[in-house]
Amino acid sequence: MPTSASSLFSAYASFAATAMLIRSMANELIPPPLRSSLHSLIRYLFAPLSSNLTIIIDENTSTGMTRNQVYDAAQLYLSTKINARTKCIRVCKTQRDKSLTVSIDKGEEIADSFDNVTLRWKFVFIERQDQNPRQNSRQSEKRSFYLTFNKKFKDKVLDSYLPHVLHRADEIRNDQRVLKLYNRHCPYGSDGSGGGRSWGSINLEHPATFETLAMDPSMKKAIIADLDRFVRRKEFYKKVGKAWKRGYLLYGPPGTGKSSLIAAMANYLKFDIYDLELTTIFSNADLRKVLLSTTNRSILVIEDIDCSMDMKDRQHAKSMGKQILSLDKYQQPDLPSNSKLTLSGLLNSIDGLWSNCGDERIIVFTTNHKDKLDPALLRPGRMDVHINLSYCSGHGFKLLASNYLGLHETCQNPLYDEVHSLIETTQITPAEVAEELMKDDDANVALEGLAGFLKRKRIEENQIKDEGVDDQTVHEAKKSRSNADLSKIAKMLEELQEKE
């Protein structure tokens, strides 16, 4: 018996030594690509004997020209599955990233479970030595994820698990991505995103949120509820046959927070913003082309719609512009005299057949004078929600005082109560209040300055009322100052024509 055990051990040692010698010779003589092919062939031949199935997810598609979306999604998804058993990870961060990017290193394995199915991921790479007589040798890697599971769950993995990985990766991207502000006059972004060459972009770093807006709380809740309802009703819009879009009209005096509200909406929804200036559009076809180049999940902003597109007397404005163009170039006003953009063209682009070329979009119009807009623009389907951003209220002051000075309504400060009472009876915009609060770091000094400013405004308002002048007349008076030179020029033209 000892003799036979000794013989078996001797035979095993001889076999092991021979196997190690053959393996060493194979590593030296057989190129890595051929070794990989032999390994794949052996695994293929013996696969029927195994109860497991392995799905290989390569970094690039079969053509090698485009990225494999499943690979990218798996890379993001697995970064959330790293645990204490993971031995090696990679960490990086670019200027555009909000936080560190963590990924597993080559050779690492991660276990996952889905609907009572156990799965195992492995990050695999194959090093290849490409020899080129005209160039230096270079190392390249073929990266892949190997997903192994029991083969009886193949349909569940393909039909449910991998779509789950793709969906989860989209959610992670939305949380990590940097919002963009697009404009036709911005330099084109290096990331190549957002509508090709029609738009340039910069990072949207506006810090406004619904928590920081000096608005009525009930209005905030209504806007947030409307946005939430909009983004979750994709199937509803499809069922009723409507384009998946929503139109907002923000109106009110300058400085009441219209731009801040737009930024807060973008930050809340994680939507990019496209800032469209209608004065740069010269035809209906040009407008359609620009709108089609915007992306889904975005907010299209058309500010000061009443100023950028006057539809009431365009023929007169056009002829007037042609006359003024004959004057000295330094006296020319900024009038788009060659524009062929029409109201019907704008309406068809935002609420006609062309409006269906895109999903999950919000269109925001702003104006200081709602009464000047054409009724065709105001109806539902174009401007679905009308939001009046008026003067600062007592609640708005409390929020601004908390944000700028760290004061709360429970503070024992007589100036705080005085300012609160003055704001309730004085027409002052949130922007004016914020500017006064920023003038000094000392809360008492800032509040004293704001109280004096409010008292002066109240005196001015009382004088206007005593003289019988309404707000519209005051606005027209201010506007007439900016148009004084234009009126003089028009009068000069008329006198010249009479002399001729």
Protein backbone atom coordinates (compact mmCIF):
# COMPACT_ATOMS: atom_id res chain seq x y z
CA MET A 1 0.00 0.00 0.00
CA PRO A 2 2.75 2.52 0.80
CA THR A 3 4.46 1.48 -2.42
CA SER A 4 1.33 2.22 -4.46
CA ALA A 5 0.78 5.62 -2.71
CA SER A 6 4.39 6.50 -3.40
CA SER A 7 3.96 5.52 -7.04
CA LEU A 8 0.81 7.65 -7.37
CA PHE A 9 2.50 10.67 -5.81
CA SER A 10 5.53 10.21 -8.08
CA ALA A 11 3.30 9.96 -11.15
CA TYR A 12 1.31 13.08 -10.09
CA ALA A 13 4.53 15.06 -9.54
CA SER A 14 5.83 13.99 -12.95
CA PHE A 15 2.52 14.99 -14.61
CA ALA A 16 2.45 18.36 -12.85
CA ALA A 17 6.02 19.13 -13.88
CA THR A 18 5.26 18.15 -17.48
CA ALA A 19 2.10 20.36 -17.48
CA MET A 20 4.02 23.33 -16.11
CA LEU A 21 6.72 22.83 -18.75
CA ILE A 22 4.13 22.70 -21.52
CA ARG A 23 2.36 25.77 -20.18
CA SER A 24 5.65 27.68 -19.97
CA MET A 25 6.57 26.69 -23.53
CA ALA A 26 3.06 27.66 -24.74
CA ASN A 27 3.35 31.10 -23.14
CA GLU A 28 6.70 31.62 -24.82
CA LEU A 29 5.88 30.24 -28.28
CA ILE A 30 2.16 30.93 -28.79
CA PRO A 31 1.21 34.63 -29.36
CA PRO A 32 -1.39 36.09 -26.95
CA PRO A 33 -4.13 36.47 -29.63
CA LEU A 34 -3.77 32.78 -30.57
CA ARG A 35 -3.83 31.74 -26.92
CA SER A 36 -7.06 33.73 -26.47
CA SER A 37 -8.60 32.04 -29.50
CA LEU A 38 -7.65 28.57 -28.22
CA HIS A 39 -9.08 29.43 -24.82
CA SER A 40 -12.37 30.56 -26.41
CA LEU A 41 -12.49 27.37 -28.52
CA ILE A 42 -11.98 25.10 -25.52
CA ARG A 43 -14.59 27.01 -23.55
CA TYR A 44 -17.01 26.68 -26.47
CA LEU A 45 -16.43 22.91 -26.81
CA PHE A 46 -16.99 22.25 -23.13
CA ALA A 47 -19.83 24.76 -22.64
CA PRO A 48 -22.58 22.12 -23.06
CA LEU A 49 -21.18 20.37 -20.00
CA SER A 50 -21.70 23.49 -17.88
CA SER A 51 -24.98 24.83 -16.47
CA ASN A 52 -23.77 28.45 -16.79
CA LEU A 53 -23.99 30.85 -19.70
CA THR A 54 -21.65 33.78 -20.25
CA ILE A 55 -22.56 36.93 -22.20
CA ILE A 56 -19.60 38.92 -23.52
CA ILE A 57 -20.17 42.67 -23.70
CA ASP A 58 -17.35 44.31 -25.66
CA GLU A 59 -16.39 47.98 -25.36
CA ASN A 60 -17.04 48.64 -29.05
CA THR A 61 -19.57 47.24 -31.49
CA SER A 62 -18.68 44.58 -34.04
CA THR A 63 -17.62 47.25 -36.54
CA GLY A 64 -15.18 48.71 -34.02
CA MET A 65 -16.22 52.24 -34.99
CA THR A 66 -18.83 53.03 -32.35
CA ARG A 67 -19.16 52.53 -28.62
CA ASN A 68 -21.29 49.73 -27.23
CA GLN A 69 -24.06 51.34 -25.18
CA VAL A 70 -24.52 48.19 -23.10
CA TYR A 71 -20.82 48.30 -22.13
CA ASP A 72 -21.04 51.96 -21.07
CA ALA A 73 -24.23 51.26 -19.12
CA ALA A 74 -22.65 48.26 -17.37
CA GLN A 75 -19.62 50.35 -16.41
CA LEU A 76 -21.84 52.97 -14.76
CA TYR A 77 -24.13 50.39 -13.16
CA LEU A 78 -21.29 48.36 -11.65
CA SER A 79 -19.78 51.48 -10.06
CA THR A 80 -22.77 51.40 -7.70
CA LYS A 81 -22.21 47.73 -6.85
CA ILE A 82 -18.67 48.04 -5.50
CA ASN A 83 -18.51 46.55 -2.01
CA ALA A 84 -16.04 45.51 0.70
CA ARG A 85 -15.01 42.38 -1.25
CA THR A 86 -13.74 44.45 -4.17
CA LYS A 87 -9.94 44.42 -4.10
CA CYS A 88 -9.00 47.13 -6.63
CA ILE A 89 -10.87 50.12 -8.05
CA ARG A 90 -10.05 53.05 -10.33
CA VAL A 91 -10.89 56.68 -9.46
CA CYS A 92 -10.87 59.72 -11.77
CA LYS A 93 -12.48 63.15 -12.19
CA THR A 94 -12.70 65.60 -15.08
CA GLN A 95 -13.50 69.31 -14.94
CA ARG A 96 -17.10 68.64 -16.05
CA ASP A 97 -17.74 65.92 -13.47
CA LYS A 98 -19.56 66.86 -10.27
CA SER A 99 -17.90 64.13 -8.21
CA LEU A 100 -15.34 61.34 -8.36
CA THR A 101 -15.90 58.60 -10.93
CA VAL A 102 -15.27 55.13 -9.51
CA SER A 103 -14.93 51.95 -11.60
CA ILE A 104 -13.65 48.42 -11.11
CA ASP A 105 -10.17 47.46 -12.25
CA LYS A 106 -9.29 44.71 -14.72
CA GLY A 107 -9.81 41.19 -13.45
CA GLU A 108 -12.21 42.25 -10.71
CA GLU A 109 -15.48 40.36 -10.19
CA ILE A 110 -18.74 41.70 -8.79
CA ALA A 111 -21.77 39.68 -7.76
CA ASP A 112 -25.31 40.92 -8.37
CA SER A 113 -28.83 39.56 -7.98
CA PHE A 114 -32.00 40.35 -9.86
CA ASP A 115 -35.42 38.77 -9.33
CA ASN A 116 -33.92 35.71 -7.57
CA VAL A 117 -31.26 35.29 -10.25
CA THR A 118 -27.61 35.28 -9.18
CA LEU A 119 -25.24 36.94 -11.65
CA ARG A 120 -21.51 37.51 -11.70
CA TRP A 121 -19.76 40.28 -13.61
CA LYS A 122 -16.07 40.18 -14.50
CA PHE A 123 -14.03 42.94 -16.13
CA VAL A 124 -11.74 41.29 -18.70
CA PHE A 125 -9.16 42.78 -21.00
CA ILE A 126 -6.84 41.25 -23.58
CA GLU A 127 -3.49 42.86 -24.27
CA ARG A 128 -2.34 42.80 -27.86
CA GLN A 129 1.08 43.67 -29.25
CA ASP A 130 0.64 45.29 -32.67
CA GLN A 131 3.81 45.33 -34.69
CA ASN A 132 4.20 47.83 -37.50
CA PRO A 133 7.56 48.08 -39.26
CA ARG A 134 7.03 51.77 -39.98
CA GLN A 135 5.91 52.69 -36.48
CA ASN A 136 6.91 51.94 -32.93
CA SER A 137 5.26 49.03 -31.15
CA ARG A 138 2.27 50.00 -29.07
CA GLN A 139 0.12 48.26 -26.51
CA SER A 140 -3.65 48.12 -27.05
CA GLU A 141 -6.37 46.56 -24.97
CA LYS A 142 -9.67 44.96 -25.83
CA ARG A 143 -11.98 45.59 -22.86
CA SER A 144 -15.05 43.49 -22.16
CA PHE A 145 -17.48 42.61 -19.42
CA TYR A 146 -18.27 38.93 -18.90
CA LEU A 147 -21.72 38.33 -17.40
CA THR A 148 -22.19 34.76 -16.13
CA PHE A 149 -25.41 33.18 -14.84
CA ASN A 150 -27.40 29.96 -15.00
CA LYS A 151 -28.39 29.37 -18.61
CA LYS A 152 -32.02 28.62 -17.73
CA PHE A 153 -32.42 32.34 -16.93
CA LYS A 154 -31.21 33.51 -20.34
CA ASP A 155 -34.54 35.02 -21.41
CA LYS A 156 -35.01 36.83 -18.11
CA VAL A 157 -31.51 38.32 -18.29
CA LEU A 158 -31.90 39.47 -21.90
CA ASP A 159 -35.47 40.73 -21.59
CA SER A 160 -35.46 42.19 -18.07
CA TYR A 161 -32.07 42.41 -16.40
CA LEU A 162 -30.03 44.12 -19.14
CA PRO A 163 -32.84 46.67 -19.82
CA HIS A 164 -32.78 47.32 -16.05
CA VAL A 165 -29.03 47.98 -16.26
CA LEU A 166 -29.57 50.42 -19.16
CA HIS A 167 -32.35 52.26 -17.32
CA ARG A 168 -30.35 52.50 -14.11
CA ALA A 169 -27.37 53.86 -16.05
CA ASP A 170 -29.57 56.58 -17.56
CA GLU A 171 -30.64 57.63 -14.07
CA ILE A 172 -27.01 57.81 -12.94
CA ARG A 173 -26.08 59.94 -15.97
CA ASN A 174 -28.91 62.36 -15.24
CA ASP A 175 -27.68 62.77 -11.68
CA GLN A 176 -24.07 63.29 -12.73
CA ARG A 177 -24.40 65.28 -15.92
CA VAL A 178 -23.66 69.00 -16.15
CA LEU A 179 -26.57 71.09 -17.43
CA LYS A 180 -25.97 73.26 -20.48
CA LEU A 181 -27.13 76.71 -21.53
CA TYR A 182 -27.38 76.92 -25.32
CA ASN A 183 -27.42 80.02 -27.48
CA ARG A 184 -26.87 80.58 -31.18
CA HIS A 185 -24.09 83.07 -30.47
CA CYS A 186 -22.15 80.96 -27.95
CA PRO A 187 -18.89 79.24 -29.00
CA TYR A 188 -19.61 75.67 -29.98
CA GLY A 189 -19.10 73.26 -27.10
CA SER A 190 -16.30 70.74 -27.24
CA ASP A 191 -18.58 67.89 -26.16
CA GLY A 192 -20.48 67.99 -29.45
CA SER A 193 -23.85 67.77 -27.72
CA GLY A 194 -27.03 69.75 -28.11
CA GLY A 195 -28.15 70.31 -31.64
CA GLY A 196 -25.08 70.28 -33.81
CA ARG A 197 -23.81 73.50 -35.31
CA SER A 198 -26.97 75.57 -34.76
CA TRP A 199 -26.17 76.10 -31.09
CA GLY A 200 -23.17 76.79 -28.91
CA SER A 201 -23.17 76.11 -25.19
CA ILE A 202 -21.69 76.87 -21.81
CA ASN A 203 -22.22 75.08 -18.50
CA LEU A 204 -25.40 76.17 -16.73
CA GLU A 205 -24.14 77.05 -13.26
CA HIS A 206 -27.07 79.17 -12.12
CA PRO A 207 -27.64 78.29 -8.43
CA ALA A 208 -31.36 79.13 -8.31
CA THR A 209 -33.64 76.49 -6.80
CA PHE A 210 -37.24 76.51 -5.68
CA GLU A 211 -36.00 76.74 -2.10
CA THR A 212 -34.21 80.04 -2.78
CA LEU A 213 -36.91 81.72 -4.89
CA ALA A 214 -38.73 84.61 -3.21
CA MET A 215 -42.16 83.38 -4.28
CA ASP A 216 -45.44 82.57 -2.62
CA PRO A 217 -45.20 79.00 -1.19
CA SER A 218 -48.50 77.92 -2.73
CA MET A 219 -47.32 79.09 -6.15
CA LYS A 220 -44.10 77.11 -5.77
CA LYS A 221 -46.01 73.95 -4.86
CA ALA A 222 -48.33 74.41 -7.83
CA ILE A 223 -45.43 74.82 -10.28
CA ILE A 224 -43.52 71.81 -8.89
CA ALA A 225 -46.68 69.66 -9.01
CA ASP A 226 -47.31 70.69 -12.62
CA LEU A 227 -43.71 69.85 -13.63
CA ASP A 228 -43.86 66.47 -11.89
CA ARG A 229 -47.15 65.66 -13.56
CA PHE A 230 -45.76 66.62 -16.97
CA VAL A 231 -42.61 64.46 -16.87
CA ARG A 232 -44.45 61.30 -15.78
CA ARG A 233 -47.27 61.50 -18.38
CA LYS A 234 -45.49 60.27 -21.50
CA GLU A 235 -48.01 57.51 -22.16
CA PHE A 236 -50.91 59.85 -21.39
CA TYR A 237 -49.80 62.38 -24.02
CA LYS A 238 -49.40 59.55 -26.51
CA LYS A 239 -52.83 58.14 -25.69
CA VAL A 240 -54.66 61.47 -26.17
CA GLY A 241 -52.68 62.33 -29.33
CA LYS A 242 -50.86 65.41 -28.05
CA ALA A 243 -47.21 66.39 -28.40
CA TRP A 244 -45.30 65.80 -25.15
CA LYS A 245 -44.60 69.45 -24.40
CA ARG A 246 -45.72 72.14 -21.99
CA GLY A 247 -45.91 75.91 -22.45
CA TYR A 248 -45.40 78.50 -19.69
CA LEU A 249 -45.89 82.25 -19.73
CA LEU A 250 -44.03 84.21 -17.07
CA TYR A 251 -45.18 87.80 -16.86
CA GLY A 252 -44.68 90.69 -14.49
CA PRO A 253 -42.51 93.77 -13.91
CA PRO A 254 -38.73 93.57 -14.50
CA GLY A 255 -36.79 92.20 -11.55
CA THR A 256 -39.50 89.88 -10.24
CA GLY A 257 -37.50 86.68 -10.80
CA LYS A 258 -38.54 85.35 -14.22
CA SER A 259 -35.02 84.25 -15.20
CA SER A 260 -34.39 82.78 -11.76
CA LEU A 261 -37.57 80.73 -12.01
CA ILE A 262 -36.44 79.32 -15.37
CA ALA A 263 -33.09 78.33 -13.87
CA ALA A 264 -34.85 76.72 -10.90
CA MET A 265 -37.05 74.71 -13.28
CA ALA A 266 -33.99 73.51 -15.20
CA ASN A 267 -32.12 72.53 -12.03
CA TYR A 268 -35.18 70.72 -10.69
CA LEU A 269 -35.88 68.73 -13.87
CA LYS A 270 -32.22 68.33 -14.94
CA PHE A 271 -33.14 69.88 -18.31
CA ASP A 272 -30.81 71.88 -20.55
CA ILE A 273 -31.87 75.42 -21.53
CA TYR A 274 -32.03 76.76 -25.10
CA ASP A 275 -32.12 80.57 -25.12
CA LEU A 276 -33.70 81.66 -28.41
CA GLU A 277 -33.63 85.28 -29.55
CA LEU A 278 -36.31 85.81 -32.19
CA THR A 279 -34.50 88.90 -33.44
CA THR A 280 -31.86 86.55 -34.88
CA ILE A 281 -34.45 84.58 -36.89
CA PHE A 282 -35.18 85.90 -40.37
CA SER A 283 -37.77 83.46 -41.74
CA ASN A 284 -40.24 80.77 -40.72
CA ALA A 285 -38.04 78.12 -42.30
CA ASP A 286 -35.07 79.34 -40.27
CA LEU A 287 -37.14 79.09 -37.09
CA ARG A 288 -38.18 75.49 -37.86
CA LYS A 289 -34.58 74.51 -38.53
CA VAL A 290 -33.40 76.02 -35.25
CA LEU A 291 -36.16 74.41 -33.19
CA LEU A 292 -35.57 70.98 -34.75
CA SER A 293 -31.92 71.15 -33.72
CA THR A 294 -32.83 71.25 -30.00
CA THR A 295 -32.74 68.06 -27.95
CA ASN A 296 -35.34 66.27 -25.86
CA ARG A 297 -35.59 66.94 -22.11
CA SER A 298 -34.90 70.63 -22.58
CA ILE A 299 -36.42 74.05 -21.90
CA LEU A 300 -36.78 76.47 -24.82
CA VAL A 301 -36.79 80.07 -23.54
CA ILE A 302 -38.11 83.02 -25.57
CA GLU A 303 -37.67 86.10 -23.41
CA ASP A 304 -39.49 89.41 -23.87
CA ILE A 305 -41.76 87.99 -26.57
CA ASP A 306 -43.62 91.31 -26.85
CA CYS A 307 -40.39 93.17 -27.64
CA SER A 308 -38.67 90.63 -29.86
CA MET A 309 -41.65 90.09 -32.16
CA ASP A 310 -44.10 92.92 -32.77
CA MET A 311 -46.90 91.53 -34.91
CA LYS A 312 -49.35 94.40 -34.69
CA ASP A 313 -47.90 96.69 -37.35
CA ARG A 314 -45.00 94.89 -38.98
CA GLN A 315 -45.44 96.54 -42.40
CA HIS A 316 -45.09 100.00 -40.86
CA ALA A 317 -42.05 98.89 -38.83
CA LYS A 318 -40.49 97.40 -41.94
CA SER A 319 -40.93 100.55 -44.04
CA MET A 320 -39.75 102.70 -41.15
CA GLY A 321 -36.63 100.55 -40.84
CA LYS A 322 -35.85 100.98 -44.56
CA GLN A 323 -36.09 104.77 -44.25
CA ILE A 324 -33.84 104.88 -41.20
CA LEU A 325 -31.24 102.66 -42.90
CA SER A 326 -30.57 105.57 -45.26
CA LEU A 327 -29.31 107.69 -42.38
CA ASP A 328 -25.83 107.79 -40.97
CA LYS A 329 -24.81 104.34 -39.60
CA TYR A 330 -24.20 105.74 -36.14
CA GLN A 331 -27.84 106.84 -35.89
CA GLN A 332 -29.43 103.54 -36.97
CA PRO A 333 -31.61 101.82 -34.39
CA ASP A 334 -31.46 98.06 -33.98
CA LEU A 335 -34.41 96.99 -36.16
CA PRO A 336 -34.57 93.59 -37.96
CA SER A 337 -35.96 95.13 -41.16
CA ASN A 338 -35.17 92.07 -43.30
CA SER A 339 -37.02 89.58 -41.08
CA LYS A 340 -39.75 87.48 -42.73
CA LEU A 341 -40.75 85.72 -39.54
CA THR A 342 -44.53 85.78 -39.03
CA LEU A 343 -46.86 85.10 -36.13
CA SER A 344 -48.38 82.14 -37.97
CA GLY A 345 -44.89 80.71 -38.50
CA LEU A 346 -44.15 80.96 -34.79
CA LEU A 347 -47.49 79.38 -33.85
CA ASN A 348 -47.02 76.48 -36.28
CA SER A 349 -43.55 75.82 -34.91
CA ILE A 350 -44.63 75.62 -31.28
CA ASP A 351 -48.11 74.13 -31.68
CA GLY A 352 -48.45 72.78 -35.23
CA LEU A 353 -47.22 69.67 -37.03
CA TRP A 354 -43.59 70.65 -36.47
CA SER A 355 -44.06 70.73 -32.71
CA ASN A 356 -44.28 66.91 -32.63
CA CYS A 357 -40.63 66.50 -33.66
CA GLY A 358 -39.36 65.98 -30.12
CA ASP A 359 -40.43 64.76 -26.70
CA GLU A 360 -40.46 66.02 -23.12
CA ARG A 361 -39.93 69.68 -23.95
CA ILE A 362 -40.94 72.82 -22.12
CA ILE A 363 -41.37 76.19 -23.82
CA VAL A 364 -41.16 79.28 -21.60
CA PHE A 365 -42.17 82.75 -22.79
CA THR A 366 -41.50 85.84 -20.72
CA THR A 367 -42.93 89.33 -20.97
CA ASN A 368 -43.28 92.46 -18.90
CA HIS A 369 -46.65 93.28 -20.52
CA LYS A 370 -49.03 90.39 -20.98
CA ASP A 371 -51.72 92.67 -22.42
CA LYS A 372 -49.56 93.39 -25.45
CA LEU A 373 -49.48 89.75 -26.60
CA ASP A 374 -51.64 88.44 -29.41
CA PRO A 375 -54.54 86.34 -28.02
CA ALA A 376 -53.51 83.50 -30.36
CA LEU A 377 -50.32 83.06 -28.33
CA LEU A 378 -52.09 83.00 -24.97
CA ARG A 379 -54.40 80.06 -25.53
CA PRO A 380 -53.77 76.56 -24.05
CA GLY A 381 -51.52 74.43 -26.21
CA ARG A 382 -49.12 77.33 -26.62
CA MET A 383 -49.03 78.97 -23.20
CA ASP A 384 -50.67 76.36 -20.99
CA VAL A 385 -49.69 77.86 -17.63
CA HIS A 386 -49.70 81.62 -16.93
CA ILE A 387 -47.57 82.63 -13.94
CA ASN A 388 -47.77 86.18 -12.63
CA LEU A 389 -44.51 87.17 -10.94
CA SER A 390 -45.44 90.36 -9.13
CA TYR A 391 -43.80 92.60 -6.56
CA CYS A 392 -42.13 91.32 -3.43
CA SER A 393 -44.45 90.16 -0.67
CA GLY A 394 -43.91 89.80 3.05
CA HIS A 395 -43.11 86.13 2.63
CA GLY A 396 -40.63 86.96 -0.13
CA PHE A 397 -38.87 89.39 2.18
CA LYS A 398 -38.60 86.76 4.92
CA LEU A 399 -36.95 84.34 2.52
CA LEU A 400 -34.56 86.99 1.18
CA ALA A 401 -33.63 88.13 4.68
CA SER A 402 -32.90 84.54 5.62
CA ASN A 403 -30.80 83.93 2.47
CA TYR A 404 -28.83 87.19 2.51
CA LEU A 405 -28.58 88.10 6.20
CA GLY A 406 -29.31 84.85 8.03
CA LEU A 407 -32.31 86.45 9.75
CA HIS A 408 -35.49 84.52 10.53
CA GLU A 409 -38.98 85.70 11.36
CA THR A 410 -38.43 84.75 15.00
CA CYS A 411 -35.58 87.24 15.35
CA GLN A 412 -36.06 90.09 17.82
CA ASN A 413 -35.24 93.03 15.56
CA PRO A 414 -37.55 96.07 15.32
CA LEU A 415 -36.16 96.97 11.89
CA TYR A 416 -37.16 93.51 10.62
CA ASP A 417 -40.81 94.06 11.53
CA GLU A 418 -40.75 97.62 10.15
CA VAL A 419 -39.38 96.52 6.78
CA HIS A 420 -41.88 93.65 6.63
CA SER A 421 -44.76 96.03 7.13
CA LEU A 422 -43.41 98.55 4.57
CA ILE A 423 -42.97 95.85 1.91
CA GLU A 424 -46.58 94.73 2.32
CA THR A 425 -47.73 98.22 1.24
CA THR A 426 -45.01 99.22 -1.25
CA GLN A 427 -44.40 98.09 -4.83
CA ILE A 428 -40.83 96.84 -4.82
CA THR A 429 -39.34 93.94 -6.79
CA PRO A 430 -37.40 91.06 -5.22
CA ALA A 431 -34.33 92.20 -7.19
CA GLU A 432 -34.47 95.64 -5.55
CA VAL A 433 -34.84 94.10 -2.10
CA ALA A 434 -31.91 91.75 -2.71
CA GLU A 435 -29.73 94.62 -3.92
CA GLU A 436 -30.39 96.63 -0.76
CA LEU A 437 -29.72 93.63 1.49
CA MET A 438 -26.37 93.04 -0.23
CA LYS A 439 -25.06 96.52 0.51
CA ASP A 440 -23.76 95.66 3.98
CA ASP A 441 -22.87 92.53 5.92
CA ASP A 442 -24.26 94.04 9.10
CA ALA A 443 -27.94 93.07 9.30
CA ASN A 444 -28.97 96.28 11.10
CA VAL A 445 -27.24 98.52 8.56
CA ALA A 446 -28.72 96.59 5.62
CA LEU A 447 -32.24 96.68 7.07
CA GLU A 448 -31.95 100.37 7.87
CA GLY A 449 -30.92 101.09 4.29
CA LEU A 450 -33.79 98.98 2.93
CA ALA A 451 -36.28 100.77 5.19
CA GLY A 452 -35.10 104.15 3.90
CA PHE A 453 -35.33 102.93 0.30
CA LEU A 454 -38.90 101.72 0.87
CA LYS A 455 -39.95 105.03 2.42
CA ARG A 456 -38.58 106.95 -0.57
CA LYS A 457 -40.43 104.67 -2.99
CA ARG A 458 -43.65 105.14 -1.04
CA ILE A 459 -43.30 108.93 -1.27
CA GLU A 460 -42.77 108.66 -5.04
CA GLU A 461 -45.82 106.41 -5.42
CA ASN A 462 -47.98 108.84 -3.43
CA GLN A 463 -46.82 111.77 -5.56
CA ILE A 464 -47.74 109.88 -8.74
CA LYS A 465 -51.19 109.06 -7.34
CA ASP A 466 -51.77 112.66 -6.25
CA GLU A 467 -50.94 113.88 -9.75
CA GLY A 468 -53.37 111.37 -11.26
CA VAL A 469 -50.73 109.55 -13.29
CA ASP A 470 -51.20 105.79 -13.60
CA ASP A 471 -48.46 103.17 -13.90
CA GLN A 472 -49.01 102.73 -17.65
CA THR A 473 -48.41 106.44 -18.24
CA VAL A 474 -45.20 106.29 -16.21
CA HIS A 475 -44.03 103.33 -18.28
CA GLU A 476 -44.84 105.09 -21.54
CA ALA A 477 -42.97 108.16 -20.34
CA LYS A 478 -39.88 106.11 -19.63
CA LYS A 479 -40.21 104.35 -22.96
CA SER A 480 -40.56 107.66 -24.81
CA ARG A 481 -37.16 108.73 -23.53
CA SER A 482 -35.47 105.78 -25.21
CA ASN A 483 -37.44 106.45 -28.42
CA ALA A 484 -36.81 110.21 -28.45
CA ASP A 485 -34.00 109.99 -30.99
CA LEU A 486 -36.10 107.75 -33.24
CA SER A 487 -38.98 110.24 -33.21
CA LYS A 488 -36.64 113.11 -34.08
CA ILE A 489 -35.22 111.13 -36.99
CA ALA A 490 -38.69 110.26 -38.31
CA LYS A 491 -39.72 113.93 -38.08
CA MET A 492 -36.62 114.99 -39.99
CA LEU A 493 -37.46 112.51 -42.74
CA GLU A 494 -41.01 113.83 -43.03
CA GLU A 495 -39.74 117.43 -43.30
CA LEU A 496 -37.26 116.46 -46.00
CA GLN A 497 -39.98 114.67 -47.99
CA GLU A 498 -42.27 117.76 -47.76
CA LYS A 499 -39.48 120.03 -49.03
CA GLU A 500 -38.85 117.74 -51.96
